Structure formats: structure tokens, C-alpha cells
PDB file of N, CA and C in Angstrom:
ATOM      1  N   MET A   1      29.881 -27.351  15.587  1.00  0.00           N
ATOM      2  CA  MET A   1      28.625 -27.397  14.933  1.00  0.00           C
ATOM      3  C   MET A   1      28.732 -27.944  13.540  1.00  0.00           C
ATOM      4  N   ASN A   2      27.921 -28.817  13.169  1.00  0.00           N
ATOM      5  CA  ASN A   2      27.980 -29.337  11.770  1.00  0.00           C
ATOM      6  C   ASN A   2      27.043 -28.514  10.871  1.00  0.00           C
ATOM      7  N   ILE A   3      27.117 -28.846   9.577  1.00  0.00           N
ATOM      8  CA  ILE A   3      26.363 -28.092   8.573  1.00  0.00           C
ATOM      9  C   ILE A   3      24.832 -28.196   8.896  1.00  0.00           C
ATOM     10  N   ASN A   4      24.365 -29.309   9.220  1.00  0.00           N
ATOM     11  CA  ASN A   4      22.838 -29.472   9.481  1.00  0.00           C
ATOM     12  C   ASN A   4      22.420 -28.584  10.635  1.00  0.00           C
ATOM     13  N   GLN A   5      23.219 -28.424  11.677  1.00  0.00           N
ATOM     14  CA  GLN A   5      22.867 -27.663  12.814  1.00  0.00           C
ATOM     15  C   GLN A   5      22.889 -26.129  12.454  1.00  0.00           C
ATOM     16  N   ILE A   6      23.791 -25.792  11.598  1.00  0.00           N
ATOM     17  CA  ILE A   6      23.857 -24.428  11.079  1.00  0.00           C
ATOM     18  C   ILE A   6      22.664 -24.061  10.238  1.00  0.00           C
ATOM     19  N   LYS A   7      22.294 -24.938   9.284  1.00  0.00           N
ATOM     20  CA  LYS A   7      21.151 -24.828   8.520  1.00  0.00           C
ATOM     21  C   LYS A   7      19.884 -24.641   9.349  1.00  0.00           C
ATOM     22  N   LEU A   8      19.749 -25.591  10.267  1.00  0.00           N
ATOM     23  CA  LEU A   8      18.631 -25.508  11.201  1.00  0.00           C
ATOM     24  C   LEU A   8      18.523 -24.186  11.981  1.00  0.00           C
ATOM     25  N   LEU A   9      19.654 -23.730  12.440  1.00  0.00           N
ATOM     26  CA  LEU A   9      19.738 -22.448  13.205  1.00  0.00           C
ATOM     27  C   LEU A   9      19.324 -21.286  12.257  1.00  0.00           C
ATOM     28  N   MET A  10      19.759 -21.380  11.008  1.00  0.00           N
ATOM     29  CA  MET A  10      19.427 -20.307  10.000  1.00  0.00           C
ATOM     30  C   MET A  10      17.914 -20.295   9.721  1.00  0.00           C
ATOM     31  N   VAL A  11      17.311 -21.487   9.599  1.00  0.00           N
ATOM     32  CA  VAL A  11      15.850 -21.633   9.384  1.00  0.00           C
ATOM     33  C   VAL A  11      15.141 -21.060  10.582  1.00  0.00           C
ATOM     34  N   TYR A  12      15.503 -21.357  11.803  1.00  0.00           N
ATOM     35  CA  TYR A  12      14.881 -20.838  13.004  1.00  0.00           C
ATOM     36  C   TYR A  12      15.060 -19.359  13.071  1.00  0.00           C
ATOM     37  N   GLY A  13      16.159 -18.822  12.673  1.00  0.00           N
ATOM     38  CA  GLY A  13      16.361 -17.362  12.652  1.00  0.00           C
ATOM     39  C   GLY A  13      15.475 -16.670  11.629  1.00  0.00           C
ATOM     40  N   LEU A  14      15.375 -17.246  10.529  1.00  0.00           N
ATOM     41  CA  LEU A  14      14.447 -16.729   9.438  1.00  0.00           C
ATOM     42  C   LEU A  14      13.022 -16.751   9.914  1.00  0.00           C
ATOM     43  N   ILE A  15      12.590 -17.855  10.530  1.00  0.00           N
ATOM     44  CA  ILE A  15      11.179 -17.940  11.001  1.00  0.00           C
ATOM     45  C   ILE A  15      10.925 -16.925  12.150  1.00  0.00           C
ATOM     46  N   THR A  16      11.952 -16.708  13.015  1.00  0.00           N
ATOM     47  CA  THR A  16      11.798 -15.670  14.071  1.00  0.00           C
ATOM     48  C   THR A  16      11.722 -14.309  13.421  1.00  0.00           C
ATOM     49  N   LEU A  17      12.560 -14.054  12.425  1.00  0.00           N
ATOM     50  CA  LEU A  17      12.504 -12.732  11.748  1.00  0.00           C
ATOM     51  C   LEU A  17      11.126 -12.492  11.103  1.00  0.00           C
ATOM     52  N   ILE A  18      10.655 -13.443  10.361  1.00  0.00           N
ATOM     53  CA  ILE A  18       9.307 -13.296   9.737  1.00  0.00           C
ATOM     54  C   ILE A  18       8.221 -13.068  10.793  1.00  0.00           C
ATOM     55  N   ASN A  19       8.196 -13.853  11.808  1.00  0.00           N
ATOM     56  CA  ASN A  19       7.174 -13.722  12.887  1.00  0.00           C
ATOM     57  C   ASN A  19       7.260 -12.349  13.564  1.00  0.00           C
ATOM     58  N   SER A  20       8.501 -11.888  13.862  1.00  0.00           N
ATOM     59  CA  SER A  20       8.609 -10.593  14.571  1.00  0.00           C
ATOM     60  C   SER A  20       8.252  -9.417  13.597  1.00  0.00           C
ATOM     61  N   THR A  21       8.580  -9.583  12.277  1.00  0.00           N
ATOM     62  CA  THR A  21       8.135  -8.539  11.380  1.00  0.00           C
ATOM     63  C   THR A  21       6.598  -8.476  11.316  1.00  0.00           C
ATOM     64  N   MET A  22       5.944  -9.564  11.278  1.00  0.00           N
ATOM     65  CA  MET A  22       4.498  -9.569  11.235  1.00  0.00           C
ATOM     66  C   MET A  22       3.910  -9.077  12.541  1.00  0.00           C
ATOM     67  N   LEU A  23       4.566  -9.295  13.634  1.00  0.00           N
ATOM     68  CA  LEU A  23       4.106  -8.840  14.953  1.00  0.00           C
ATOM     69  C   LEU A  23       4.119  -7.313  15.015  1.00  0.00           C
ATOM     70  N   PHE A  24       5.179  -6.663  14.489  1.00  0.00           N
ATOM     71  CA  PHE A  24       5.318  -5.239  14.633  1.00  0.00           C
ATOM     72  C   PHE A  24       4.804  -4.448  13.380  1.00  0.00           C
ATOM     73  N   SER A  25       4.267  -5.145  12.369  1.00  0.00           N
ATOM     74  CA  SER A  25       3.808  -4.428  11.194  1.00  0.00           C
ATOM     75  C   SER A  25       2.401  -3.835  11.533  1.00  0.00           C
ATOM     76  N   GLN A  26       1.975  -3.014  10.566  1.00  0.00           N
ATOM     77  CA  GLN A  26       0.626  -2.406  10.697  1.00  0.00           C
ATOM     78  C   GLN A  26      -0.478  -3.371  10.698  1.00  0.00           C
ATOM     79  N   VAL A  27      -1.496  -3.117  11.494  1.00  0.00           N
ATOM     80  CA  VAL A  27      -2.671  -3.952  11.465  1.00  0.00           C
ATOM     81  C   VAL A  27      -3.426  -3.466  10.215  1.00  0.00           C
ATOM     82  N   THR A  28      -3.815  -4.458   9.388  1.00  0.00           N
ATOM     83  CA  THR A  28      -4.499  -4.138   8.172  1.00  0.00           C
ATOM     84  C   THR A  28      -5.928  -3.596   8.365  1.00  0.00           C
ATOM     85  N   TYR A  29      -6.628  -4.132   9.377  1.00  0.00           N
ATOM     86  CA  TYR A  29      -7.958  -3.682   9.635  1.00  0.00           C
ATOM     87  C   TYR A  29      -8.172  -3.768  11.177  1.00  0.00           C
ATOM     88  N   SER A  30      -8.470  -2.686  11.792  1.00  0.00           N
ATOM     89  CA  SER A  30      -8.650  -2.702  13.202  1.00  0.00           C
ATOM     90  C   SER A  30     -10.100  -2.816  13.617  1.00  0.00           C
ATOM     91  N   GLY A  31     -11.077  -2.650  12.667  1.00  0.00           N
ATOM     92  CA  GLY A  31     -12.468  -2.662  12.990  1.00  0.00           C
ATOM     93  C   GLY A  31     -12.941  -1.390  13.573  1.00  0.00           C
ATOM     94  N   LYS A  32     -12.143  -0.324  13.585  1.00  0.00           N
ATOM     95  CA  LYS A  32     -12.538   0.958  14.189  1.00  0.00           C
ATOM     96  C   LYS A  32     -12.817   2.045  13.161  1.00  0.00           C
ATOM     97  N   GLY A  33     -12.889   1.630  11.938  1.00  0.00           N
ATOM     98  CA  GLY A  33     -13.219   2.634  10.878  1.00  0.00           C
ATOM     99  C   GLY A  33     -12.132   2.657   9.823  1.00  0.00           C
ATOM    100  N   ASP A  34     -12.320   3.622   8.882  1.00  0.00           N
ATOM    101  CA  ASP A  34     -11.378   3.726   7.722  1.00  0.00           C
ATOM    102  C   ASP A  34     -10.195   4.608   8.096  1.00  0.00           C
ATOM    103  N   VAL A  35      -9.110   4.299   7.503  1.00  0.00           N
ATOM    104  CA  VAL A  35      -7.857   5.162   7.597  1.00  0.00           C
ATOM    105  C   VAL A  35      -7.803   5.949   6.311  1.00  0.00           C
ATOM    106  N   ILE A  36      -7.670   7.247   6.375  1.00  0.00           N
ATOM    107  CA  ILE A  36      -7.659   8.125   5.289  1.00  0.00           C
ATOM    108  C   ILE A  36      -6.265   8.756   5.166  1.00  0.00           C
ATOM    109  N   ALA A  37      -5.618   8.677   4.066  1.00  0.00           N
ATOM    110  CA  ALA A  37      -4.302   9.337   3.790  1.00  0.00           C
ATOM    111  C   ALA A  37      -4.527  10.265   2.599  1.00  0.00           C
ATOM    112  N   ILE A  38      -4.164  11.487   2.846  1.00  0.00           N
ATOM    113  CA  ILE A  38      -4.319  12.450   1.747  1.00  0.00           C
ATOM    114  C   ILE A  38      -2.908  12.855   1.257  1.00  0.00           C
ATOM    115  N   ARG A  39      -2.838  12.764  -0.052  1.00  0.00           N
ATOM    116  CA  ARG A  39      -1.608  13.100  -0.737  1.00  0.00           C
ATOM    117  C   ARG A  39      -1.903  14.285  -1.703  1.00  0.00           C
ATOM    118  N   PHE A  40      -1.138  15.328  -1.682  1.00  0.00           N
ATOM    119  CA  PHE A  40      -1.261  16.399  -2.541  1.00  0.00           C
ATOM    120  C   PHE A  40      -0.408  16.238  -3.751  1.00  0.00           C
ATOM    121  N   LEU A  41      -1.060  16.349  -4.954  1.00  0.00           N
ATOM    122  CA  LEU A  41      -0.311  16.249  -6.213  1.00  0.00           C
ATOM    123  C   LEU A  41      -0.166  17.654  -6.834  1.00  0.00           C
ATOM    124  N   GLU A  42       0.960  17.904  -7.453  1.00  0.00           N
ATOM    125  CA  GLU A  42       1.155  19.141  -8.216  1.00  0.00           C
ATOM    126  C   GLU A  42       1.443  18.652  -9.629  1.00  0.00           C
ATOM    127  N   LEU A  43       0.649  19.189 -10.565  1.00  0.00           N
ATOM    128  CA  LEU A  43       0.912  18.849 -11.957  1.00  0.00           C
ATOM    129  C   LEU A  43       2.047  19.645 -12.534  1.00  0.00           C
ATOM    130  N   GLU A  44       2.750  18.986 -13.442  1.00  0.00           N
ATOM    131  CA  GLU A  44       3.818  19.680 -14.127  1.00  0.00           C
ATOM    132  C   GLU A  44       3.229  20.787 -14.976  1.00  0.00           C
ATOM    133  N   PRO A  45       3.941  21.832 -15.277  1.00  0.00           N
ATOM    134  CA  PRO A  45       3.370  22.941 -16.069  1.00  0.00           C
ATOM    135  C   PRO A  45       2.813  22.579 -17.438  1.00  0.00           C
ATOM    136  N   ASP A  46       3.402  21.511 -18.004  1.00  0.00           N
ATOM    137  CA  ASP A  46       2.999  21.206 -19.377  1.00  0.00           C
ATOM    138  C   ASP A  46       1.816  20.236 -19.445  1.00  0.00           C
ATOM    139  N   ILE A  47       1.210  19.873 -18.241  1.00  0.00           N
ATOM    140  CA  ILE A  47       0.081  18.949 -18.215  1.00  0.00           C
ATOM    141  C   ILE A  47      -1.215  19.766 -18.332  1.00  0.00           C
ATOM    142  N   ASP A  48      -2.043  19.348 -19.191  1.00  0.00           N
ATOM    143  CA  ASP A  48      -3.426  19.957 -19.379  1.00  0.00           C
ATOM    144  C   ASP A  48      -4.335  19.524 -18.263  1.00  0.00           C
ATOM    145  N   THR A  49      -4.803  20.452 -17.439  1.00  0.00           N
ATOM    146  CA  THR A  49      -5.620  20.101 -16.277  1.00  0.00           C
ATOM    147  C   THR A  49      -6.892  19.437 -16.677  1.00  0.00           C
ATOM    148  N   THR A  50      -7.550  19.839 -17.744  1.00  0.00           N
ATOM    149  CA  THR A  50      -8.757  19.279 -18.199  1.00  0.00           C
ATOM    150  C   THR A  50      -8.528  17.788 -18.568  1.00  0.00           C
ATOM    151  N   GLU A  51      -7.500  17.474 -19.255  1.00  0.00           N
ATOM    152  CA  GLU A  51      -7.162  16.097 -19.675  1.00  0.00           C
ATOM    153  C   GLU A  51      -6.917  15.285 -18.421  1.00  0.00           C
ATOM    154  N   PHE A  52      -6.150  15.802 -17.473  1.00  0.00           N
ATOM    155  CA  PHE A  52      -5.818  15.073 -16.242  1.00  0.00           C
ATOM    156  C   PHE A  52      -7.083  14.777 -15.468  1.00  0.00           C
ATOM    157  N   GLU A  53      -7.993  15.751 -15.365  1.00  0.00           N
ATOM    158  CA  GLU A  53      -9.241  15.464 -14.628  1.00  0.00           C
ATOM    159  C   GLU A  53     -10.088  14.413 -15.359  1.00  0.00           C
ATOM    160  N   LYS A  54     -10.101  14.425 -16.602  1.00  0.00           N
ATOM    161  CA  LYS A  54     -10.786  13.440 -17.350  1.00  0.00           C
ATOM    162  C   LYS A  54     -10.174  12.007 -17.067  1.00  0.00           C
ATOM    163  N   PHE A  55      -8.811  11.928 -17.113  1.00  0.00           N
ATOM    164  CA  PHE A  55      -8.096  10.707 -16.839  1.00  0.00           C
ATOM    165  C   PHE A  55      -8.465  10.196 -15.404  1.00  0.00           C
ATOM    166  N   ALA A  56      -8.423  11.104 -14.463  1.00  0.00           N
ATOM    167  CA  ALA A  56      -8.723  10.718 -13.060  1.00  0.00           C
ATOM    168  C   ALA A  56     -10.119  10.150 -12.914  1.00  0.00           C
ATOM    169  N   LEU A  57     -11.074  10.795 -13.491  1.00  0.00           N
ATOM    170  CA  LEU A  57     -12.525  10.413 -13.321  1.00  0.00           C
ATOM    171  C   LEU A  57     -12.802   9.161 -14.117  1.00  0.00           C
ATOM    172  N   GLU A  58     -12.322   9.058 -15.352  1.00  0.00           N
ATOM    173  CA  GLU A  58     -12.770   7.979 -16.301  1.00  0.00           C
ATOM    174  C   GLU A  58     -11.863   6.760 -16.222  1.00  0.00           C
ATOM    175  N   GLU A  59     -10.562   6.932 -15.895  1.00  0.00           N
ATOM    176  CA  GLU A  59      -9.635   5.824 -15.987  1.00  0.00           C
ATOM    177  C   GLU A  59      -9.105   5.375 -14.643  1.00  0.00           C
ATOM    178  N   PHE A  60      -8.393   6.309 -13.919  1.00  0.00           N
ATOM    179  CA  PHE A  60      -7.701   6.049 -12.664  1.00  0.00           C
ATOM    180  C   PHE A  60      -8.696   5.511 -11.586  1.00  0.00           C
ATOM    181  N   ASN A  61      -9.655   6.342 -11.269  1.00  0.00           N
ATOM    182  CA  ASN A  61     -10.607   5.994 -10.112  1.00  0.00           C
ATOM    183  C   ASN A  61     -11.268   4.667 -10.356  1.00  0.00           C
ATOM    184  N   PRO A  62     -11.918   4.348 -11.498  1.00  0.00           N
ATOM    185  CA  PRO A  62     -12.494   3.148 -11.666  1.00  0.00           C
ATOM    186  C   PRO A  62     -11.525   1.956 -11.762  1.00  0.00           C
ATOM    187  N   ALA A  63     -10.282   2.174 -12.247  1.00  0.00           N
ATOM    188  CA  ALA A  63      -9.318   1.072 -12.324  1.00  0.00           C
ATOM    189  C   ALA A  63      -8.877   0.590 -10.947  1.00  0.00           C
ATOM    190  N   PHE A  64      -8.740   1.522  -9.958  1.00  0.00           N
ATOM    191  CA  PHE A  64      -8.251   1.200  -8.622  1.00  0.00           C
ATOM    192  C   PHE A  64      -9.322   0.940  -7.612  1.00  0.00           C
ATOM    193  N   ASP A  65     -10.601   1.031  -7.952  1.00  0.00           N
ATOM    194  CA  ASP A  65     -11.689   0.877  -7.024  1.00  0.00           C
ATOM    195  C   ASP A  65     -11.657  -0.639  -6.582  1.00  0.00           C
ATOM    196  N   ARG A  66     -11.300  -0.797  -5.372  1.00  0.00           N
ATOM    197  CA  ARG A  66     -11.350  -2.115  -4.659  1.00  0.00           C
ATOM    198  C   ARG A  66     -10.458  -3.203  -5.379  1.00  0.00           C
ATOM    199  N   THR A  67      -9.397  -2.850  -5.959  1.00  0.00           N
ATOM    200  CA  THR A  67      -8.485  -3.888  -6.527  1.00  0.00           C
ATOM    201  C   THR A  67      -7.842  -4.742  -5.429  1.00  0.00           C
ATOM    202  N   ILE A  68      -7.661  -4.089  -4.288  1.00  0.00           N
ATOM    203  CA  ILE A  68      -7.168  -4.815  -3.132  1.00  0.00           C
ATOM    204  C   ILE A  68      -8.242  -4.728  -2.073  1.00  0.00           C
ATOM    205  N   PRO A  69      -8.648  -5.859  -1.469  1.00  0.00           N
ATOM    206  CA  PRO A  69      -9.738  -5.779  -0.511  1.00  0.00           C
ATOM    207  C   PRO A  69      -9.522  -4.697   0.580  1.00  0.00           C
ATOM    208  N   GLY A  70     -10.488  -3.828   0.748  1.00  0.00           N
ATOM    209  CA  GLY A  70     -10.437  -2.786   1.698  1.00  0.00           C
ATOM    210  C   GLY A  70      -9.811  -1.492   1.201  1.00  0.00           C
ATOM    211  N   LEU A  71      -9.123  -1.457   0.110  1.00  0.00           N
ATOM    212  CA  LEU A  71      -8.454  -0.344  -0.477  1.00  0.00           C
ATOM    213  C   LEU A  71      -9.399   0.464  -1.266  1.00  0.00           C
ATOM    214  N   LYS A  72      -9.462   1.808  -1.030  1.00  0.00           N
ATOM    215  CA  LYS A  72     -10.189   2.701  -1.927  1.00  0.00           C
ATOM    216  C   LYS A  72      -9.187   3.837  -2.229  1.00  0.00           C
ATOM    217  N   GLU A  73      -8.941   3.984  -3.496  1.00  0.00           N
ATOM    218  CA  GLU A  73      -7.963   4.957  -3.868  1.00  0.00           C
ATOM    219  C   GLU A  73      -8.630   5.882  -5.002  1.00  0.00           C
ATOM    220  N   TYR A  74      -8.569   7.223  -4.772  1.00  0.00           N
ATOM    221  CA  TYR A  74      -9.216   8.130  -5.657  1.00  0.00           C
ATOM    222  C   TYR A  74      -8.334   9.373  -5.796  1.00  0.00           C
ATOM    223  N   ILE A  75      -8.392   9.967  -6.965  1.00  0.00           N
ATOM    224  CA  ILE A  75      -7.861  11.267  -7.212  1.00  0.00           C
ATOM    225  C   ILE A  75      -9.040  12.232  -7.211  1.00  0.00           C
ATOM    226  N   ALA A  76      -9.016  13.234  -6.341  1.00  0.00           N
ATOM    227  CA  ALA A  76     -10.100  14.208  -6.302  1.00  0.00           C
ATOM    228  C   ALA A  76      -9.585  15.600  -6.423  1.00  0.00           C
ATOM    229  N   LYS A  77     -10.365  16.512  -6.893  1.00  0.00           N
ATOM    230  CA  LYS A  77     -10.031  17.906  -7.051  1.00  0.00           C
ATOM    231  C   LYS A  77     -10.221  18.640  -5.794  1.00  0.00           C
ATOM    232  N   SER A  78      -9.335  19.616  -5.513  1.00  0.00           N
ATOM    233  CA  SER A  78      -9.493  20.395  -4.290  1.00  0.00           C
ATOM    234  C   SER A  78      -8.952  21.833  -4.631  1.00  0.00           C
ATOM    235  N   ASP A  79      -9.117  22.683  -3.642  1.00  0.00           N
ATOM    236  CA  ASP A  79      -8.610  24.023  -3.803  1.00  0.00           C
ATOM    237  C   ASP A  79      -7.173  24.126  -3.307  1.00  0.00           C
TER     238      ASP A  79
END
């Protein structure tokens, strides 16, 4: 095998790897509704809850609202 054949084989391998990765990756939108992922956050003891709630409502939620098409990301208060 000469160098050009080895390079071509490496390119074909890379293309196959990329295509198979895309084939088995998650579907970004199935058309069947929203996917909801809930993550629980625990605040460190030295964090003021009132300030954190203000940050979440006034800064975090508006900043991440639809920054990526289809993505909705919020911090919400719960029990």
C-alpha cells in the first residue's frame, strides 16, 4: 500500500465514523412532543436563597430562553 491509499483509507474510515455516530445519536426532534429533563439543585449553605431566586428569575431564565432552537431551560422553585 502506498501513502495515497493509506490516506484515502483513513478518510473513508473517518467518514464512516462520522456517519455512524450521527446514525446512532439522539434524534433532536421527533415531532411527538417536548422532552423534559428535571435536575435537582442543592444550594451551598452560604448562598442566600432570596438572591438566588432573583438571579434565576431576572438573569438566568431570560438569558437562556431559546438561545438554541427548541431548547427551553429554566430554574424553578419546588418543594
